[in-house]
Amino acid sequence: NVQGDLWEAIAEIGEELLVFDARLSALEKQIVGGG
């Protein structure tokens, strides 16, 4: 049960990292493109 909970938490963190990466990429494009 604990292992299952940990894998679920890791998956949620992975999803958050994907969202963060997408936002960061968008900001980088704005900076490089002059906004």
Full PDB file with SEQRES, HELIX, SHEET, SSBOND, CRYST1, ORIGX, SCALE, CONECT and MASTER records, all heavy atoms in Angstrom:
SEQRES   1 A   35  ASN VAL GLN GLY ASP LEU TRP GLU ALA ILE ALA GLU ILE          
SEQRES   2 A   35  GLY GLU GLU LEU LEU VAL PHE ASP ALA ARG LEU SER ALA          
SEQRES   3 A   35  LEU GLU LYS GLN ILE VAL GLY GLY GLY                          
HELIX    1 AA1 VAL A    2  VAL A   32  1                                  31    
CRYST1    1.000    1.000    1.000  90.00  90.00  90.00 P 1           1          
ORIGX1      1.000000  0.000000  0.000000        0.00000                         
ORIGX2      0.000000  1.000000  0.000000        0.00000                         
ORIGX3      0.000000  0.000000  1.000000        0.00000                         
SCALE1      1.000000  0.000000  0.000000        0.00000                         
SCALE2      0.000000  1.000000  0.000000        0.00000                         
SCALE3      0.000000  0.000000  1.000000        0.00000                         
ATOM      1  N   ASN A   1       0.833  -1.203   0.000  1.00  0.00           N  
ATOM      2  CA  ASN A   1       0.000   0.000   0.000  1.00  0.00           C  
ATOM      3  C   ASN A   1       0.869   1.256   0.000  1.00  0.00           C  
ATOM      4  O   ASN A   1       0.591   2.207  -0.732  1.00  0.00           O  
ATOM      5  CB  ASN A   1      -0.935   0.014   1.210  1.00  0.00           C  
ATOM      6  CG  ASN A   1      -2.033  -1.024   1.106  1.00  0.00           C  
ATOM      7  OD1 ASN A   1      -2.306  -1.560   0.041  1.00  0.00           O  
ATOM      8  ND2 ASN A   1      -2.651  -1.337   2.230  1.00  0.00           N  
ATOM      9  N   VAL A   2       1.915   1.251   0.812  1.00  0.00           N  
ATOM     10  CA  VAL A   2       2.817   2.407   0.877  1.00  0.00           C  
ATOM     11  C   VAL A   2       3.528   2.587  -0.460  1.00  0.00           C  
ATOM     12  O   VAL A   2       3.646   3.705  -0.972  1.00  0.00           O  
ATOM     13  CB  VAL A   2       3.836   2.244   2.029  1.00  0.00           C  
ATOM     14  CG1 VAL A   2       4.951   3.277   1.934  1.00  0.00           C  
ATOM     15  CG2 VAL A   2       3.127   2.357   3.371  1.00  0.00           C  
ATOM     16  N   GLN A   3       3.975   1.478  -1.063  1.00  0.00           N  
ATOM     17  CA  GLN A   3       4.635   1.570  -2.357  1.00  0.00           C  
ATOM     18  C   GLN A   3       3.682   2.131  -3.407  1.00  0.00           C  
ATOM     19  O   GLN A   3       4.072   2.961  -4.226  1.00  0.00           O  
ATOM     20  CB  GLN A   3       5.150   0.201  -2.794  1.00  0.00           C  
ATOM     21  CG  GLN A   3       6.368  -0.252  -2.013  1.00  0.00           C  
ATOM     22  CD  GLN A   3       6.791  -1.670  -2.357  1.00  0.00           C  
ATOM     23  OE1 GLN A   3       6.023  -2.449  -2.910  1.00  0.00           O  
ATOM     24  NE2 GLN A   3       8.015  -2.005  -2.016  1.00  0.00           N  
ATOM     25  N   GLY A   4       2.433   1.696  -3.373  1.00  0.00           N  
ATOM     26  CA  GLY A   4       1.444   2.223  -4.309  1.00  0.00           C  
ATOM     27  C   GLY A   4       1.237   3.711  -4.119  1.00  0.00           C  
ATOM     28  O   GLY A   4       1.158   4.469  -5.096  1.00  0.00           O  
ATOM     29  N   ASP A   5       1.160   4.142  -2.863  1.00  0.00           N  
ATOM     30  CA  ASP A   5       1.006   5.570  -2.576  1.00  0.00           C  
ATOM     31  C   ASP A   5       2.214   6.364  -3.076  1.00  0.00           C  
ATOM     32  O   ASP A   5       2.059   7.468  -3.603  1.00  0.00           O  
ATOM     33  CB  ASP A   5       0.822   5.802  -1.074  1.00  0.00           C  
ATOM     34  CG  ASP A   5      -0.512   5.286  -0.554  1.00  0.00           C  
ATOM     35  OD1 ASP A   5      -1.406   4.992  -1.376  1.00  0.00           O  
ATOM     36  OD2 ASP A   5      -0.654   5.166   0.676  1.00  0.00           O  
ATOM     37  N   LEU A   6       3.401   5.795  -2.901  1.00  0.00           N  
ATOM     38  CA  LEU A   6       4.608   6.489  -3.372  1.00  0.00           C  
ATOM     39  C   LEU A   6       4.620   6.617  -4.890  1.00  0.00           C  
ATOM     40  O   LEU A   6       4.949   7.681  -5.420  1.00  0.00           O  
ATOM     41  CB  LEU A   6       5.860   5.750  -2.898  1.00  0.00           C  
ATOM     42  CG  LEU A   6       6.199   5.904  -1.423  1.00  0.00           C  
ATOM     43  CD1 LEU A   6       7.377   4.997  -1.051  1.00  0.00           C  
ATOM     44  CD2 LEU A   6       6.542   7.345  -1.089  1.00  0.00           C  
ATOM     45  N   TRP A   7       4.244   5.550  -5.602  1.00  0.00           N  
ATOM     46  CA  TRP A   7       4.217   5.617  -7.066  1.00  0.00           C  
ATOM     47  C   TRP A   7       3.179   6.627  -7.538  1.00  0.00           C  
ATOM     48  O   TRP A   7       3.406   7.353  -8.509  1.00  0.00           O  
ATOM     49  CB  TRP A   7       3.955   4.240  -7.678  1.00  0.00           C  
ATOM     50  CG  TRP A   7       5.184   3.379  -7.687  1.00  0.00           C  
ATOM     51  CD1 TRP A   7       5.370   2.201  -7.017  1.00  0.00           C  
ATOM     52  CD2 TRP A   7       6.406   3.618  -8.396  1.00  0.00           C  
ATOM     53  NE1 TRP A   7       6.626   1.714  -7.263  1.00  0.00           N  
ATOM     54  CE2 TRP A   7       7.280   2.559  -8.103  1.00  0.00           C  
ATOM     55  CE3 TRP A   7       6.840   4.632  -9.243  1.00  0.00           C  
ATOM     56  CZ2 TRP A   7       8.569   2.497  -8.645  1.00  0.00           C  
ATOM     57  CZ3 TRP A   7       8.129   4.561  -9.769  1.00  0.00           C  
ATOM     58  CH2 TRP A   7       8.968   3.504  -9.477  1.00  0.00           C  
ATOM     59  N   GLU A   8       2.061   6.703  -6.833  1.00  0.00           N  
ATOM     60  CA  GLU A   8       1.036   7.687  -7.186  1.00  0.00           C  
ATOM     61  C   GLU A   8       1.568   9.108  -7.003  1.00  0.00           C  
ATOM     62  O   GLU A   8       1.367   9.980  -7.854  1.00  0.00           O  
ATOM     63  CB  GLU A   8      -0.208   7.464  -6.328  1.00  0.00           C  
ATOM     64  CG  GLU A   8      -1.379   8.324  -6.700  1.00  0.00           C  
ATOM     65  CD  GLU A   8      -2.618   8.003  -5.881  1.00  0.00           C  
ATOM     66  OE1 GLU A   8      -2.844   6.837  -5.558  1.00  0.00           O  
ATOM     67  OE2 GLU A   8      -3.348   8.951  -5.569  1.00  0.00           O  
ATOM     68  N   ALA A   9       2.273   9.322  -5.897  1.00  0.00           N  
ATOM     69  CA  ALA A   9       2.842  10.646  -5.635  1.00  0.00           C  
ATOM     70  C   ALA A   9       3.908  10.991  -6.680  1.00  0.00           C  
ATOM     71  O   ALA A   9       3.976  12.124  -7.150  1.00  0.00           O  
ATOM     72  CB  ALA A   9       3.450  10.694  -4.229  1.00  0.00           C  
ATOM     73  N   ILE A  10       4.726  10.017  -7.059  1.00  0.00           N  
ATOM     74  CA  ILE A  10       5.756  10.252  -8.071  1.00  0.00           C  
ATOM     75  C   ILE A  10       5.107  10.615  -9.405  1.00  0.00           C  
ATOM     76  O   ILE A  10       5.566  11.519 -10.110  1.00  0.00           O  
ATOM     77  CB  ILE A  10       6.669   9.012  -8.206  1.00  0.00           C  
ATOM     78  CG1 ILE A  10       7.552   8.904  -6.962  1.00  0.00           C  
ATOM     79  CG2 ILE A  10       7.510   9.074  -9.471  1.00  0.00           C  
ATOM     80  CD1 ILE A  10       8.291   7.591  -6.831  1.00  0.00           C  
ATOM     81  N   ALA A  11       4.016   9.934  -9.749  1.00  0.00           N  
ATOM     82  CA  ALA A  11       3.306  10.241 -11.002  1.00  0.00           C  
ATOM     83  C   ALA A  11       2.748  11.661 -10.974  1.00  0.00           C  
ATOM     84  O   ALA A  11       2.831  12.393 -11.972  1.00  0.00           O  
ATOM     85  CB  ALA A  11       2.186   9.228 -11.226  1.00  0.00           C  
ATOM     86  N   GLU A  12       2.192  12.066  -9.836  1.00  0.00           N  
ATOM     87  CA  GLU A  12       1.659  13.425  -9.713  1.00  0.00           C  
ATOM     88  C   GLU A  12       2.771  14.465  -9.847  1.00  0.00           C  
ATOM     89  O   GLU A  12       2.594  15.500 -10.504  1.00  0.00           O  
ATOM     90  CB  GLU A  12       0.933  13.592  -8.385  1.00  0.00           C  
ATOM     91  CG  GLU A  12      -0.393  12.840  -8.322  1.00  0.00           C  
ATOM     92  CD  GLU A  12      -1.066  12.957  -6.970  1.00  0.00           C  
ATOM     93  OE1 GLU A  12      -0.666  13.803  -6.145  1.00  0.00           O  
ATOM     94  OE2 GLU A  12      -2.017  12.183  -6.736  1.00  0.00           O  
ATOM     95  N   ILE A  13       3.917  14.182  -9.247  1.00  0.00           N  
ATOM     96  CA  ILE A  13       5.054  15.101  -9.360  1.00  0.00           C  
ATOM     97  C   ILE A  13       5.508  15.184 -10.812  1.00  0.00           C  
ATOM     98  O   ILE A  13       5.813  16.272 -11.317  1.00  0.00           O  
ATOM     99  CB  ILE A  13       6.212  14.650  -8.439  1.00  0.00           C  
ATOM    100  CG1 ILE A  13       5.814  14.854  -6.977  1.00  0.00           C  
ATOM    101  CG2 ILE A  13       7.502  15.399  -8.766  1.00  0.00           C  
ATOM    102  CD1 ILE A  13       6.752  14.207  -5.988  1.00  0.00           C  
ATOM    103  N   GLY A  14       5.529  14.053 -11.500  1.00  0.00           N  
ATOM    104  CA  GLY A  14       5.905  14.043 -12.908  1.00  0.00           C  
ATOM    105  C   GLY A  14       4.977  14.904 -13.745  1.00  0.00           C  
ATOM    106  O   GLY A  14       5.427  15.652 -14.619  1.00  0.00           O  
ATOM    107  N   GLU A  15       3.680  14.806 -13.472  1.00  0.00           N  
ATOM    108  CA  GLU A  15       2.716  15.628 -14.204  1.00  0.00           C  
ATOM    109  C   GLU A  15       2.954  17.113 -13.937  1.00  0.00           C  
ATOM    110  O   GLU A  15       2.905  17.932 -14.857  1.00  0.00           O  
ATOM    111  CB  GLU A  15       1.288  15.250 -13.806  1.00  0.00           C  
ATOM    112  CG  GLU A  15       0.859  13.876 -14.297  1.00  0.00           C  
ATOM    113  CD  GLU A  15      -0.489  13.445 -13.746  1.00  0.00           C  
ATOM    114  OE1 GLU A  15      -1.165  14.259 -13.083  1.00  0.00           O  
ATOM    115  OE2 GLU A  15      -0.845  12.283 -13.982  1.00  0.00           O  
ATOM    116  N   GLU A  16       3.216  17.463 -12.689  1.00  0.00           N  
ATOM    117  CA  GLU A  16       3.490  18.856 -12.350  1.00  0.00           C  
ATOM    118  C   GLU A  16       4.765  19.348 -13.035  1.00  0.00           C  
ATOM    119  O   GLU A  16       4.829  20.495 -13.479  1.00  0.00           O  
ATOM    120  CB  GLU A  16       3.606  19.030 -10.831  1.00  0.00           C  
ATOM    121  CG  GLU A  16       2.304  18.837 -10.087  1.00  0.00           C  
ATOM    122  CD  GLU A  16       1.271  19.902 -10.410  1.00  0.00           C  
ATOM    123  OE1 GLU A  16       1.646  21.072 -10.615  1.00  0.00           O  
ATOM    124  OE2 GLU A  16       0.079  19.546 -10.460  1.00  0.00           O  
ATOM    125  N   LEU A  17       5.762  18.476 -13.122  1.00  0.00           N  
ATOM    126  CA  LEU A  17       7.002  18.868 -13.800  1.00  0.00           C  
ATOM    127  C   LEU A  17       6.770  19.111 -15.287  1.00  0.00           C  
ATOM    128  O   LEU A  17       7.370  20.027 -15.870  1.00  0.00           O  
ATOM    129  CB  LEU A  17       8.079  17.804 -13.601  1.00  0.00           C  
ATOM    130  CG  LEU A  17       8.723  17.767 -12.221  1.00  0.00           C  
ATOM    131  CD1 LEU A  17       9.648  16.569 -12.099  1.00  0.00           C  
ATOM    132  CD2 LEU A  17       9.479  19.056 -11.936  1.00  0.00           C  
ATOM    133  N   LEU A  18       5.911  18.319 -15.911  1.00  0.00           N  
ATOM    134  CA  LEU A  18       5.598  18.536 -17.325  1.00  0.00           C  
ATOM    135  C   LEU A  18       4.925  19.891 -17.534  1.00  0.00           C  
ATOM    136  O   LEU A  18       5.249  20.619 -18.473  1.00  0.00           O  
ATOM    137  CB  LEU A  18       4.698  17.412 -17.850  1.00  0.00           C  
ATOM    138  CG  LEU A  18       5.368  16.056 -18.043  1.00  0.00           C  
ATOM    139  CD1 LEU A  18       4.332  15.003 -18.427  1.00  0.00           C  
ATOM    140  CD2 LEU A  18       6.459  16.138 -19.092  1.00  0.00           C  
ATOM    141  N   VAL A  19       3.998  20.237 -16.640  1.00  0.00           N  
ATOM    142  CA  VAL A  19       3.324  21.533 -16.731  1.00  0.00           C  
ATOM    143  C   VAL A  19       4.341  22.656 -16.524  1.00  0.00           C  
ATOM    144  O   VAL A  19       4.360  23.632 -17.269  1.00  0.00           O  
ATOM    145  CB  VAL A  19       2.177  21.628 -15.699  1.00  0.00           C  
ATOM    146  CG1 VAL A  19       1.628  23.041 -15.604  1.00  0.00           C  
ATOM    147  CG2 VAL A  19       1.073  20.642 -16.049  1.00  0.00           C  
ATOM    148  N   PHE A  20       5.197  22.502 -15.525  1.00  0.00           N  
ATOM    149  CA  PHE A  20       6.221  23.507 -15.254  1.00  0.00           C  
ATOM    150  C   PHE A  20       7.141  23.673 -16.460  1.00  0.00           C  
ATOM    151  O   PHE A  20       7.475  24.796 -16.862  1.00  0.00           O  
ATOM    152  CB  PHE A  20       7.029  23.111 -14.014  1.00  0.00           C  
ATOM    153  CG  PHE A  20       8.166  24.044 -13.714  1.00  0.00           C  
ATOM    154  CD1 PHE A  20       7.939  25.259 -13.109  1.00  0.00           C  
ATOM    155  CD2 PHE A  20       9.470  23.695 -14.060  1.00  0.00           C  
ATOM    156  CE1 PHE A  20       8.978  26.123 -12.839  1.00  0.00           C  
ATOM    157  CE2 PHE A  20      10.523  24.559 -13.796  1.00  0.00           C  
ATOM    158  CZ  PHE A  20      10.279  25.775 -13.181  1.00  0.00           C  
ATOM    159  N   ASP A  21       7.548  22.544 -17.061  1.00  0.00           N  
ATOM    160  CA  ASP A  21       8.437  22.596 -18.219  1.00  0.00           C  
ATOM    161  C   ASP A  21       7.775  23.324 -19.384  1.00  0.00           C  
ATOM    162  O   ASP A  21       8.425  24.118 -20.079  1.00  0.00           O  
ATOM    163  CB  ASP A  21       8.835  21.177 -18.629  1.00  0.00           C  
ATOM    164  CG  ASP A  21       9.857  21.171 -19.745  1.00  0.00           C  
ATOM    165  OD1 ASP A  21      10.902  21.828 -19.600  1.00  0.00           O  
ATOM    166  OD2 ASP A  21       9.595  20.503 -20.772  1.00  0.00           O  
ATOM    167  N   ALA A  22       6.495  23.072 -19.603  1.00  0.00           N  
ATOM    168  CA  ALA A  22       5.775  23.750 -20.686  1.00  0.00           C  
ATOM    169  C   ALA A  22       5.710  25.257 -20.428  1.00  0.00           C  
ATOM    170  O   ALA A  22       5.911  26.067 -21.347  1.00  0.00           O  
ATOM    171  CB  ALA A  22       4.372  23.170 -20.824  1.00  0.00           C  
ATOM    172  N   ARG A  23       5.448  25.641 -19.186  1.00  0.00           N  
ATOM    173  CA  ARG A  23       5.389  27.074 -18.851  1.00  0.00           C  
ATOM    174  C   ARG A  23       6.760  27.719 -19.003  1.00  0.00           C  
ATOM    175  O   ARG A  23       6.877  28.848 -19.505  1.00  0.00           O  
ATOM    176  CB  ARG A  23       4.874  27.263 -17.422  1.00  0.00           C  
ATOM    177  CG  ARG A  23       3.413  26.935 -17.277  1.00  0.00           C  
ATOM    178  CD  ARG A  23       2.955  27.132 -15.858  1.00  0.00           C  
ATOM    179  NE  ARG A  23       1.533  26.819 -15.730  1.00  0.00           N  
ATOM    180  CZ  ARG A  23       0.931  26.675 -14.575  1.00  0.00           C  
ATOM    181  NH1 ARG A  23       1.594  26.813 -13.446  1.00  0.00           N  
ATOM    182  NH2 ARG A  23      -0.356  26.382 -14.533  1.00  0.00           N  
ATOM    183  N   LEU A  24       7.791  27.021 -18.579  1.00  0.00           N  
ATOM    184  CA  LEU A  24       9.141  27.540 -18.696  1.00  0.00           C  
ATOM    185  C   LEU A  24       9.521  27.710 -20.165  1.00  0.00           C  
ATOM    186  O   LEU A  24      10.107  28.730 -20.549  1.00  0.00           O  
ATOM    187  CB  LEU A  24      10.130  26.608 -17.992  1.00  0.00           C  
ATOM    188  CG  LEU A  24      11.587  27.045 -17.944  1.00  0.00           C  
ATOM    189  CD1 LEU A  24      11.731  28.386 -17.239  1.00  0.00           C  
ATOM    190  CD2 LEU A  24      12.424  25.987 -17.255  1.00  0.00           C  
ATOM    191  N   SER A  25       9.170  26.744 -20.990  1.00  0.00           N  
ATOM    192  CA  SER A  25       9.451  26.846 -22.425  1.00  0.00           C  
ATOM    193  C   SER A  25       8.741  28.050 -23.035  1.00  0.00           C  
ATOM    194  O   SER A  25       9.315  28.762 -23.868  1.00  0.00           O  
ATOM    195  CB  SER A  25       9.024  25.567 -23.145  1.00  0.00           C  
ATOM    196  OG  SER A  25       9.820  24.480 -22.746  1.00  0.00           O  
ATOM    197  N   ALA A  26       7.504  28.285 -22.631  1.00  0.00           N  
ATOM    198  CA  ALA A  26       6.760  29.437 -23.146  1.00  0.00           C  
ATOM    199  C   ALA A  26       7.434  30.738 -22.730  1.00  0.00           C  
ATOM    200  O   ALA A  26       7.548  31.671 -23.542  1.00  0.00           O  
ATOM    201  CB  ALA A  26       5.316  29.394 -22.649  1.00  0.00           C  
ATOM    202  N   LEU A  27       7.903  30.810 -21.485  1.00  0.00           N  
ATOM    203  CA  LEU A  27       8.609  32.014 -21.029  1.00  0.00           C  
ATOM    204  C   LEU A  27       9.912  32.210 -21.790  1.00  0.00           C  
ATOM    205  O   LEU A  27      10.260  33.337 -22.165  1.00  0.00           O  
ATOM    206  CB  LEU A  27       8.892  31.921 -19.533  1.00  0.00           C  
ATOM    207  CG  LEU A  27       7.698  32.119 -18.607  1.00  0.00           C  
ATOM    208  CD1 LEU A  27       8.097  31.839 -17.158  1.00  0.00           C  
ATOM    209  CD2 LEU A  27       7.162  33.537 -18.738  1.00  0.00           C  
ATOM    210  N   GLU A  28      10.629  31.124 -22.031  1.00  0.00           N  
ATOM    211  CA  GLU A  28      11.884  31.231 -22.780  1.00  0.00           C  
ATOM    212  C   GLU A  28      11.625  31.753 -24.191  1.00  0.00           C  
ATOM    213  O   GLU A  28      12.381  32.585 -24.698  1.00  0.00           O  
ATOM    214  CB  GLU A  28      12.573  29.867 -22.840  1.00  0.00           C  
ATOM    215  CG  GLU A  28      13.171  29.429 -21.521  1.00  0.00           C  
ATOM    216  CD  GLU A  28      13.703  28.002 -21.552  1.00  0.00           C  
ATOM    217  OE1 GLU A  28      13.308  27.216 -22.437  1.00  0.00           O  
ATOM    218  OE2 GLU A  28      14.514  27.685 -20.679  1.00  0.00           O  
ATOM    219  N   LYS A  29      10.562  31.290 -24.822  1.00  0.00           N  
ATOM    220  CA  LYS A  29      10.223  31.761 -26.166  1.00  0.00           C  
ATOM    221  C   LYS A  29       9.885  33.246 -26.151  1.00  0.00           C  
ATOM    222  O   LYS A  29      10.260  33.981 -27.065  1.00  0.00           O  
ATOM    223  CB  LYS A  29       9.051  30.957 -26.730  1.00  0.00           C  
ATOM    224  CG  LYS A  29       9.427  29.552 -27.129  1.00  0.00           C  
ATOM    225  CD  LYS A  29       8.228  28.778 -27.635  1.00  0.00           C  
ATOM    226  CE  LYS A  29       8.598  27.337 -27.913  1.00  0.00           C  
ATOM    227  NZ  LYS A  29       7.443  26.535 -28.321  1.00  0.00           N  
ATOM    228  N   GLN A  30       9.183  33.706 -25.096  1.00  0.00           N  
ATOM    229  CA  GLN A  30       8.857  35.131 -24.990  1.00  0.00           C  
ATOM    230  C   GLN A  30      10.121  35.958 -24.819  1.00  0.00           C  
ATOM    231  O   GLN A  30      10.270  37.020 -25.421  1.00  0.00           O  
ATOM    232  CB  GLN A  30       7.921  35.380 -23.811  1.00  0.00           C  
ATOM    233  CG  GLN A  30       6.491  34.980 -24.064  1.00  0.00           C  
ATOM    234  CD  GLN A  30       5.588  35.336 -22.879  1.00  0.00           C  
ATOM    235  OE1 GLN A  30       6.064  35.805 -21.853  1.00  0.00           O  
ATOM    236  NE2 GLN A  30       4.307  35.106 -23.052  1.00  0.00           N  
ATOM    237  N   ILE A  31      11.036  35.457 -24.000  1.00  0.00           N  
ATOM    238  CA  ILE A  31      12.282  36.204 -23.754  1.00  0.00           C  
ATOM    239  C   ILE A  31      13.122  36.266 -25.020  1.00  0.00           C  
ATOM    240  O   ILE A  31      13.610  37.330 -25.405  1.00  0.00           O  
ATOM    241  CB  ILE A  31      13.064  35.562 -22.593  1.00  0.00           C  
ATOM    242  CG1 ILE A  31      12.312  35.760 -21.278  1.00  0.00           C  
ATOM    243  CG2 ILE A  31      14.477  36.147 -22.497  1.00  0.00           C  
ATOM    244  CD1 ILE A  31      12.845  34.961 -20.115  1.00  0.00           C  
ATOM    245  N   VAL A  32      13.285  35.137 -25.684  1.00  0.00           N  
ATOM    246  CA  VAL A  32      14.103  35.083 -26.894  1.00  0.00           C  
ATOM    247  C   VAL A  32      13.454  35.887 -28.004  1.00  0.00           C  
ATOM    248  O   VAL A  32      14.117  36.599 -28.757  1.00  0.00           O  
ATOM    249  CB  VAL A  32      14.319  33.614 -27.335  1.00  0.00           C  
ATOM    250  CG1 VAL A  32      14.948  33.539 -28.720  1.00  0.00           C  
ATOM    251  CG2 VAL A  32      15.192  32.889 -26.331  1.00  0.00           C  
ATOM    252  N   GLY A  33      12.142  35.832 -28.094  1.00  0.00           N  
ATOM    253  CA  GLY A  33      11.418  36.550 -29.152  1.00  0.00           C  
ATOM    254  C   GLY A  33      11.181  38.003 -28.838  1.00  0.00           C  
ATOM    255  O   GLY A  33      10.583  38.723 -29.608  1.00  0.00           O  
ATOM    256  N   GLY A  34      11.620  38.482 -27.713  1.00  0.00           N  
ATOM    257  CA  GLY A  34      11.443  39.880 -27.347  1.00  0.00           C  
ATOM    258  C   GLY A  34      10.125  40.174 -26.660  1.00  0.00           C  
ATOM    259  O   GLY A  34       9.790  41.318 -26.416  1.00  0.00           O  
ATOM    260  N   GLY A  35       9.366  39.146 -26.379  1.00  0.00           N  
ATOM    261  CA  GLY A  35       8.094  39.335 -25.697  1.00  0.00           C  
ATOM    262  C   GLY A  35       6.988  39.633 -26.686  1.00  0.00           C  
ATOM    263  O   GLY A  35       7.222  40.034 -27.818  1.00  0.00           O  
TER     264      GLY A  35                                                      
MASTER        0    0    0    1    0    0    0    6  263    1    0    3          
END                                                                             
